[in-house]
Amino acid sequence: MTIDWSWLGDHTDDLTSLTLSHLQAALSAVLLGLLISLPLSVLAHRVRPLRGVLLGLSNVLFTIPSIAIFVLLLPVSGLTRTTTVIGLTVYSLVVLLRNTVEGLDSVPVKTKEAAKAMGTRPLRTLLTVELPLALPVIMAGVRIATVMSISLVSVATYIGDGGLGQLFTDGFQRDFPTPVIVGVVLTLLLALVADALLVAIQYVLTPWTRRRA
């Protein structure tokens, strides 16, 4: 299986456009997942009876095949990027919700009690104590969700989207391996670069972990 390098040179603009589209869909889903999972995680952490319900519901949603989710969304949002982002957000929520709850649970009780003893209000304690200390666990979930979303974007090819996944369809339909190989390589590179950037962001945002080390 060889690569037709002339095809690669002739389609540079298309590859750039598909790569950016792929990345935009994945990152939009992760950001939306974070916006939804953060308040739900705080609620699950504070109100214990809701914990099992929210985590259980997210696990049920995760068992739905990705293609099925996109198909179920078609009557609502149609053959649009919105369908892709909503479907990917559903999957990212499972990882983000669980990791955020576990991160909040990992904050030492004595630390929260000390903040309370100093007269810090609950909201400020959450924002300045609990979430920063939970950040390493939360970021681990963000990394997993991001890599997972990047890999799943290609499935949206079945509804006319899919970013780099369009290269797979094109290659298989024409029995031409070059687009398939290029699509796989670019998807892997996107995942690796995104993960490396998130590691760097976590390194910058958690200086206390370096001092502890």
C-alpha atoms as a PDB file:
ATOM      1  CA  MET A   1       0.000   0.000   0.000  1.00  0.00           C
ATOM      2  CA  THR A   2       1.710   3.168  -1.226  1.00  0.00           C
ATOM      3  CA  ILE A   3       0.932   6.857  -1.182  1.00  0.00           C
ATOM      4  CA  ASP A   4       0.408   8.833  -4.360  1.00  0.00           C
ATOM      5  CA  TRP A   5       2.453  11.901  -3.422  1.00  0.00           C
ATOM      6  CA  SER A   6       1.218  13.846  -6.442  1.00  0.00           C
ATOM      7  CA  TRP A   7      -2.361  13.509  -5.127  1.00  0.00           C
ATOM      8  CA  LEU A   8      -1.194  14.839  -1.788  1.00  0.00           C
ATOM      9  CA  GLY A   9       0.347  17.899  -3.408  1.00  0.00           C
ATOM     10  CA  ASP A  10      -2.726  18.561  -5.535  1.00  0.00           C
ATOM     11  CA  HIS A  11      -5.106  18.467  -2.573  1.00  0.00           C
ATOM     12  CA  THR A  12      -3.252  20.538   0.033  1.00  0.00           C
ATOM     13  CA  ASP A  13      -6.013  23.128   0.299  1.00  0.00           C
ATOM     14  CA  ASP A  14      -8.710  20.457   0.680  1.00  0.00           C
ATOM     15  CA  LEU A  15      -6.701  18.676   3.357  1.00  0.00           C
ATOM     16  CA  THR A  16      -6.203  21.900   5.280  1.00  0.00           C
ATOM     17  CA  SER A  17      -9.918  22.689   5.112  1.00  0.00           C
ATOM     18  CA  LEU A  18     -10.932  19.183   6.216  1.00  0.00           C
ATOM     19  CA  THR A  19      -8.399  19.201   9.072  1.00  0.00           C
ATOM     20  CA  LEU A  20      -9.666  22.527  10.406  1.00  0.00           C
ATOM     21  CA  SER A  21     -13.273  21.364  10.064  1.00  0.00           C
ATOM     22  CA  HIS A  22     -12.433  18.137  11.914  1.00  0.00           C
ATOM     23  CA  LEU A  23     -10.722  20.016  14.729  1.00  0.00           C
ATOM     24  CA  GLN A  24     -13.520  22.570  15.025  1.00  0.00           C
ATOM     25  CA  ALA A  25     -16.160  19.858  15.444  1.00  0.00           C
ATOM     26  CA  ALA A  26     -14.158  17.994  18.096  1.00  0.00           C
ATOM     27  CA  LEU A  27     -13.219  21.064  20.138  1.00  0.00           C
ATOM     28  CA  SER A  28     -16.741  22.491  19.984  1.00  0.00           C
ATOM     29  CA  ALA A  29     -18.090  19.246  21.428  1.00  0.00           C
ATOM     30  CA  VAL A  30     -15.535  19.177  24.254  1.00  0.00           C
ATOM     31  CA  LEU A  31     -16.125  22.825  25.172  1.00  0.00           C
ATOM     32  CA  LEU A  32     -19.884  22.332  25.139  1.00  0.00           C
ATOM     33  CA  GLY A  33     -19.428  19.172  27.196  1.00  0.00           C
ATOM     34  CA  LEU A  34     -17.403  21.118  29.758  1.00  0.00           C
ATOM     35  CA  LEU A  35     -20.039  23.846  30.031  1.00  0.00           C
ATOM     36  CA  ILE A  36     -22.711  21.225  30.690  1.00  0.00           C
ATOM     37  CA  SER A  37     -20.681  18.858  32.871  1.00  0.00           C
ATOM     38  CA  LEU A  38     -19.275  21.437  35.317  1.00  0.00           C
ATOM     39  CA  PRO A  39     -22.594  22.532  36.887  1.00  0.00           C
ATOM     40  CA  LEU A  40     -23.930  18.967  36.758  1.00  0.00           C
ATOM     41  CA  SER A  41     -20.784  17.669  38.453  1.00  0.00           C
ATOM     42  CA  VAL A  42     -21.027  20.255  41.228  1.00  0.00           C
ATOM     43  CA  LEU A  43     -24.661  19.273  41.697  1.00  0.00           C
ATOM     44  CA  ALA A  44     -23.777  15.566  41.807  1.00  0.00           C
ATOM     45  CA  HIS A  45     -20.980  16.291  44.269  1.00  0.00           C
ATOM     46  CA  ARG A  46     -23.162  18.404  46.552  1.00  0.00           C
ATOM     47  CA  VAL A  47     -26.406  16.392  46.321  1.00  0.00           C
ATOM     48  CA  ARG A  48     -25.445  12.741  46.764  1.00  0.00           C
ATOM     49  CA  PRO A  49     -28.819  11.212  45.723  1.00  0.00           C
ATOM     50  CA  LEU A  50     -28.392  12.840  42.288  1.00  0.00           C
ATOM     51  CA  ARG A  51     -24.907  11.414  41.837  1.00  0.00           C
ATOM     52  CA  GLY A  52     -26.006   7.930  40.843  1.00  0.00           C
ATOM     53  CA  VAL A  53     -28.798   9.255  38.626  1.00  0.00           C
ATOM     54  CA  LEU A  54     -26.571  11.623  36.622  1.00  0.00           C
ATOM     55  CA  LEU A  55     -23.668   9.205  36.262  1.00  0.00           C
ATOM     56  CA  GLY A  56     -26.012   6.360  35.408  1.00  0.00           C
ATOM     57  CA  LEU A  57     -27.794   8.426  32.759  1.00  0.00           C
ATOM     58  CA  SER A  58     -24.500   9.453  31.174  1.00  0.00           C
ATOM     59  CA  ASN A  59     -23.397   5.816  31.063  1.00  0.00           C
ATOM     60  CA  VAL A  60     -26.647   4.811  29.349  1.00  0.00           C
ATOM     61  CA  LEU A  61     -26.127   7.499  26.703  1.00  0.00           C
ATOM     62  CA  PHE A  62     -22.589   6.229  26.141  1.00  0.00           C
ATOM     63  CA  THR A  63     -23.885   2.769  25.234  1.00  0.00           C
ATOM     64  CA  ILE A  64     -25.786   4.148  22.223  1.00  0.00           C
ATOM     65  CA  PRO A  65     -23.765   3.560  19.025  1.00  0.00           C
ATOM     66  CA  SER A  66     -22.399   6.780  17.572  1.00  0.00           C
ATOM     67  CA  ILE A  67     -24.072   6.279  14.200  1.00  0.00           C
ATOM     68  CA  ALA A  68     -27.406   5.709  15.950  1.00  0.00           C
ATOM     69  CA  ILE A  69     -27.066   8.990  17.858  1.00  0.00           C
ATOM     70  CA  PHE A  70     -26.436  10.924  14.656  1.00  0.00           C
ATOM     71  CA  VAL A  71     -29.417   9.246  12.973  1.00  0.00           C
ATOM     72  CA  LEU A  72     -31.691   9.966  15.942  1.00  0.00           C
ATOM     73  CA  LEU A  73     -30.676  13.628  15.822  1.00  0.00           C
ATOM     74  CA  LEU A  74     -31.409  14.040  12.115  1.00  0.00           C
ATOM     75  CA  PRO A  75     -35.129  14.906  12.565  1.00  0.00           C
ATOM     76  CA  VAL A  76     -34.102  17.593  15.074  1.00  0.00           C
ATOM     77  CA  SER A  77     -31.038  19.264  13.584  1.00  0.00           C
ATOM     78  CA  GLY A  78     -30.819  17.738  10.102  1.00  0.00           C
ATOM     79  CA  LEU A  79     -27.695  17.134   8.030  1.00  0.00           C
ATOM     80  CA  THR A  80     -25.729  19.900   9.721  1.00  0.00           C
ATOM     81  CA  ARG A  81     -22.619  20.438  11.810  1.00  0.00           C
ATOM     82  CA  THR A  82     -24.960  20.909  14.785  1.00  0.00           C
ATOM     83  CA  THR A  83     -25.877  17.213  14.612  1.00  0.00           C
ATOM     84  CA  THR A  84     -22.206  16.264  14.690  1.00  0.00           C
ATOM     85  CA  VAL A  85     -21.410  18.505  17.658  1.00  0.00           C
ATOM     86  CA  ILE A  86     -24.428  17.375  19.695  1.00  0.00           C
ATOM     87  CA  GLY A  87     -23.613  13.719  19.095  1.00  0.00           C
ATOM     88  CA  LEU A  88     -19.978  14.157  20.098  1.00  0.00           C
ATOM     89  CA  THR A  89     -20.990  16.200  23.143  1.00  0.00           C
ATOM     90  CA  VAL A  90     -23.096  13.297  24.402  1.00  0.00           C
ATOM     91  CA  TYR A  91     -20.030  11.056  24.401  1.00  0.00           C
ATOM     92  CA  SER A  92     -17.707  13.638  25.923  1.00  0.00           C
ATOM     93  CA  LEU A  93     -20.156  14.216  28.784  1.00  0.00           C
ATOM     94  CA  VAL A  94     -19.637  10.688  30.089  1.00  0.00           C
ATOM     95  CA  VAL A  95     -15.914  11.206  30.627  1.00  0.00           C
ATOM     96  CA  LEU A  96     -16.093  14.845  31.701  1.00  0.00           C
ATOM     97  CA  LEU A  97     -18.931  14.351  34.190  1.00  0.00           C
ATOM     98  CA  ARG A  98     -17.311  11.378  35.917  1.00  0.00           C
ATOM     99  CA  ASN A  99     -13.838  12.913  36.068  1.00  0.00           C
ATOM    100  CA  THR A 100     -15.096  16.244  37.375  1.00  0.00           C
ATOM    101  CA  VAL A 101     -17.087  14.546  40.125  1.00  0.00           C
ATOM    102  CA  GLU A 102     -14.080  12.412  41.068  1.00  0.00           C
ATOM    103  CA  GLY A 103     -11.872  15.502  41.028  1.00  0.00           C
ATOM    104  CA  LEU A 104     -14.169  17.361  43.405  1.00  0.00           C
ATOM    105  CA  ASP A 105     -14.348  14.284  45.625  1.00  0.00           C
ATOM    106  CA  SER A 106     -10.544  14.197  45.801  1.00  0.00           C
ATOM    107  CA  VAL A 107     -10.308  17.630  47.450  1.00  0.00           C
ATOM    108  CA  PRO A 108      -9.360  17.051  51.128  1.00  0.00           C
ATOM    109  CA  VAL A 109     -12.180  17.737  53.572  1.00  0.00           C
ATOM    110  CA  LYS A 110      -9.780  19.585  55.880  1.00  0.00           C
ATOM    111  CA  THR A 111      -8.939  22.006  53.081  1.00  0.00           C
ATOM    112  CA  LYS A 112     -12.604  22.861  52.561  1.00  0.00           C
ATOM    113  CA  GLU A 113     -13.146  23.178  56.306  1.00  0.00           C
ATOM    114  CA  ALA A 114     -10.186  25.548  56.552  1.00  0.00           C
ATOM    115  CA  ALA A 115     -11.665  27.736  53.816  1.00  0.00           C
ATOM    116  CA  LYS A 116     -15.007  27.718  55.617  1.00  0.00           C
ATOM    117  CA  ALA A 117     -13.336  28.621  58.906  1.00  0.00           C
ATOM    118  CA  MET A 118     -11.742  31.616  57.212  1.00  0.00           C
ATOM    119  CA  GLY A 119     -15.197  32.880  56.275  1.00  0.00           C
ATOM    120  CA  THR A 120     -14.990  31.992  52.587  1.00  0.00           C
ATOM    121  CA  ARG A 121     -18.406  31.686  50.990  1.00  0.00           C
ATOM    122  CA  PRO A 122     -19.334  28.344  49.345  1.00  0.00           C
ATOM    123  CA  LEU A 123     -19.209  29.714  45.778  1.00  0.00           C
ATOM    124  CA  ARG A 124     -15.817  31.286  46.316  1.00  0.00           C
ATOM    125  CA  THR A 125     -14.559  28.090  47.943  1.00  0.00           C
ATOM    126  CA  LEU A 126     -15.689  26.163  44.879  1.00  0.00           C
ATOM    127  CA  LEU A 127     -14.012  28.558  42.446  1.00  0.00           C
ATOM    128  CA  THR A 128     -10.788  29.255  44.341  1.00  0.00           C
ATOM    129  CA  VAL A 129     -10.199  26.020  46.259  1.00  0.00           C
ATOM    130  CA  GLU A 130     -12.142  22.993  45.059  1.00  0.00           C
ATOM    131  CA  LEU A 131     -11.980  23.416  41.272  1.00  0.00           C
ATOM    132  CA  PRO A 132      -8.255  24.350  41.204  1.00  0.00           C
ATOM    133  CA  LEU A 133      -7.371  21.332  43.372  1.00  0.00           C
ATOM    134  CA  ALA A 134      -9.586  19.097  41.237  1.00  0.00           C
ATOM    135  CA  LEU A 135      -8.052  20.432  38.024  1.00  0.00           C
ATOM    136  CA  PRO A 136      -5.535  17.584  37.432  1.00  0.00           C
ATOM    137  CA  VAL A 137      -8.330  14.988  37.484  1.00  0.00           C
ATOM    138  CA  ILE A 138     -10.618  17.224  35.412  1.00  0.00           C
ATOM    139  CA  MET A 139      -7.878  17.799  32.836  1.00  0.00           C
ATOM    140  CA  ALA A 140      -7.323  14.053  32.566  1.00  0.00           C
ATOM    141  CA  GLY A 141     -10.981  13.787  31.561  1.00  0.00           C
ATOM    142  CA  VAL A 142     -10.638  16.668  29.102  1.00  0.00           C
ATOM    143  CA  ARG A 143      -7.688  14.933  27.461  1.00  0.00           C
ATOM    144  CA  ILE A 144      -9.589  11.679  27.081  1.00  0.00           C
ATOM    145  CA  ALA A 145     -12.714  13.444  25.814  1.00  0.00           C
ATOM    146  CA  THR A 146     -10.702  15.461  23.286  1.00  0.00           C
ATOM    147  CA  VAL A 147      -8.883  12.454  21.821  1.00  0.00           C
ATOM    148  CA  MET A 148     -12.137  10.484  21.754  1.00  0.00           C
ATOM    149  CA  SER A 149     -13.993  13.308  20.002  1.00  0.00           C
ATOM    150  CA  ILE A 150     -11.260  13.681  17.395  1.00  0.00           C
ATOM    151  CA  SER A 151     -11.499   9.973  16.621  1.00  0.00           C
ATOM    152  CA  LEU A 152     -15.323   9.997  16.471  1.00  0.00           C
ATOM    153  CA  VAL A 153     -15.721  12.991  14.159  1.00  0.00           C
ATOM    154  CA  SER A 154     -15.088  10.702  11.191  1.00  0.00           C
ATOM    155  CA  VAL A 155     -18.256   8.739  11.973  1.00  0.00           C
ATOM    156  CA  ALA A 156     -20.279  11.822  11.046  1.00  0.00           C
ATOM    157  CA  THR A 157     -19.306  11.165   7.428  1.00  0.00           C
ATOM    158  CA  TYR A 158     -22.468   9.064   7.272  1.00  0.00           C
ATOM    159  CA  ILE A 159     -24.576  12.209   7.680  1.00  0.00           C
ATOM    160  CA  GLY A 160     -22.553  14.280   5.229  1.00  0.00           C
ATOM    161  CA  ASP A 161     -20.083  15.777   7.700  1.00  0.00           C
ATOM    162  CA  GLY A 162     -17.097  14.042   9.270  1.00  0.00           C
ATOM    163  CA  GLY A 163     -14.104  16.253   8.506  1.00  0.00           C
ATOM    164  CA  LEU A 164     -11.188  13.987   7.664  1.00  0.00           C
ATOM    165  CA  GLY A 165     -13.578  11.043   7.612  1.00  0.00           C
ATOM    166  CA  GLN A 166     -14.576  12.153   4.117  1.00  0.00           C
ATOM    167  CA  LEU A 167     -11.144  10.996   2.984  1.00  0.00           C
ATOM    168  CA  PHE A 168     -11.937   7.475   4.183  1.00  0.00           C
ATOM    169  CA  THR A 169     -15.185   7.382   2.223  1.00  0.00           C
ATOM    170  CA  ASP A 170     -13.509   8.776  -0.879  1.00  0.00           C
ATOM    171  CA  GLY A 171     -10.654   6.275  -0.703  1.00  0.00           C
ATOM    172  CA  PHE A 172     -12.870   3.243  -0.123  1.00  0.00           C
ATOM    173  CA  GLN A 173     -15.330   4.183  -2.847  1.00  0.00           C
ATOM    174  CA  ARG A 174     -12.565   4.607  -5.437  1.00  0.00           C
ATOM    175  CA  ASP A 175     -10.408   1.776  -4.087  1.00  0.00           C
ATOM    176  CA  PHE A 176      -7.664   4.404  -3.767  1.00  0.00           C
ATOM    177  CA  PRO A 177      -5.658   4.007  -0.519  1.00  0.00           C
ATOM    178  CA  THR A 178      -3.908   7.382  -0.467  1.00  0.00           C
ATOM    179  CA  PRO A 179      -6.823   9.433   0.977  1.00  0.00           C
ATOM    180  CA  VAL A 180      -7.418   6.738   3.606  1.00  0.00           C
ATOM    181  CA  ILE A 181      -3.788   6.696   4.734  1.00  0.00           C
ATOM    182  CA  VAL A 182      -3.600  10.497   4.793  1.00  0.00           C
ATOM    183  CA  GLY A 183      -6.858  10.707   6.749  1.00  0.00           C
ATOM    184  CA  VAL A 184      -5.623   8.243   9.367  1.00  0.00           C
ATOM    185  CA  VAL A 185      -2.262  10.003   9.736  1.00  0.00           C
ATOM    186  CA  LEU A 186      -3.812  13.465  10.037  1.00  0.00           C
ATOM    187  CA  THR A 187      -6.359  12.237  12.601  1.00  0.00           C
ATOM    188  CA  LEU A 188      -3.589  10.685  14.696  1.00  0.00           C
ATOM    189  CA  LEU A 189      -1.508  13.855  14.461  1.00  0.00           C
ATOM    190  CA  LEU A 190      -4.472  15.986  15.527  1.00  0.00           C
ATOM    191  CA  ALA A 191      -5.051  13.777  18.555  1.00  0.00           C
ATOM    192  CA  LEU A 192      -1.363  13.815  19.542  1.00  0.00           C
ATOM    193  CA  VAL A 193      -0.980  17.575  19.139  1.00  0.00           C
ATOM    194  CA  ALA A 194      -4.220  18.313  20.999  1.00  0.00           C
ATOM    195  CA  ASP A 195      -3.202  16.042  23.864  1.00  0.00           C
ATOM    196  CA  ALA A 196       0.245  17.623  24.068  1.00  0.00           C
ATOM    197  CA  LEU A 197      -1.280  21.114  24.185  1.00  0.00           C
ATOM    198  CA  LEU A 198      -3.642  20.085  26.968  1.00  0.00           C
ATOM    199  CA  VAL A 199      -0.718  18.666  28.957  1.00  0.00           C
ATOM    200  CA  ALA A 200       1.062  21.998  28.534  1.00  0.00           C
ATOM    201  CA  ILE A 201      -2.046  23.917  29.626  1.00  0.00           C
ATOM    202  CA  GLN A 202      -2.377  21.739  32.718  1.00  0.00           C
ATOM    203  CA  TYR A 203       1.306  22.292  33.506  1.00  0.00           C
ATOM    204  CA  VAL A 204       0.805  26.054  33.410  1.00  0.00           C
ATOM    205  CA  LEU A 205      -2.452  26.018  35.397  1.00  0.00           C
ATOM    206  CA  THR A 206      -1.217  23.748  38.211  1.00  0.00           C
ATOM    207  CA  PRO A 207       2.114  25.181  39.433  1.00  0.00           C
ATOM    208  CA  TRP A 208       1.562  23.759  42.922  1.00  0.00           C
ATOM    209  CA  THR A 209       1.896  20.208  41.577  1.00  0.00           C
ATOM    210  CA  ARG A 210       5.399  21.031  40.334  1.00  0.00           C
ATOM    211  CA  ARG A 211       6.414  22.468  43.697  1.00  0.00           C
ATOM    212  CA  ARG A 212       5.092  19.367  45.414  1.00  0.00           C
ATOM    213  CA  ALA A 213       7.125  17.164  43.081  1.00  0.00           C
END
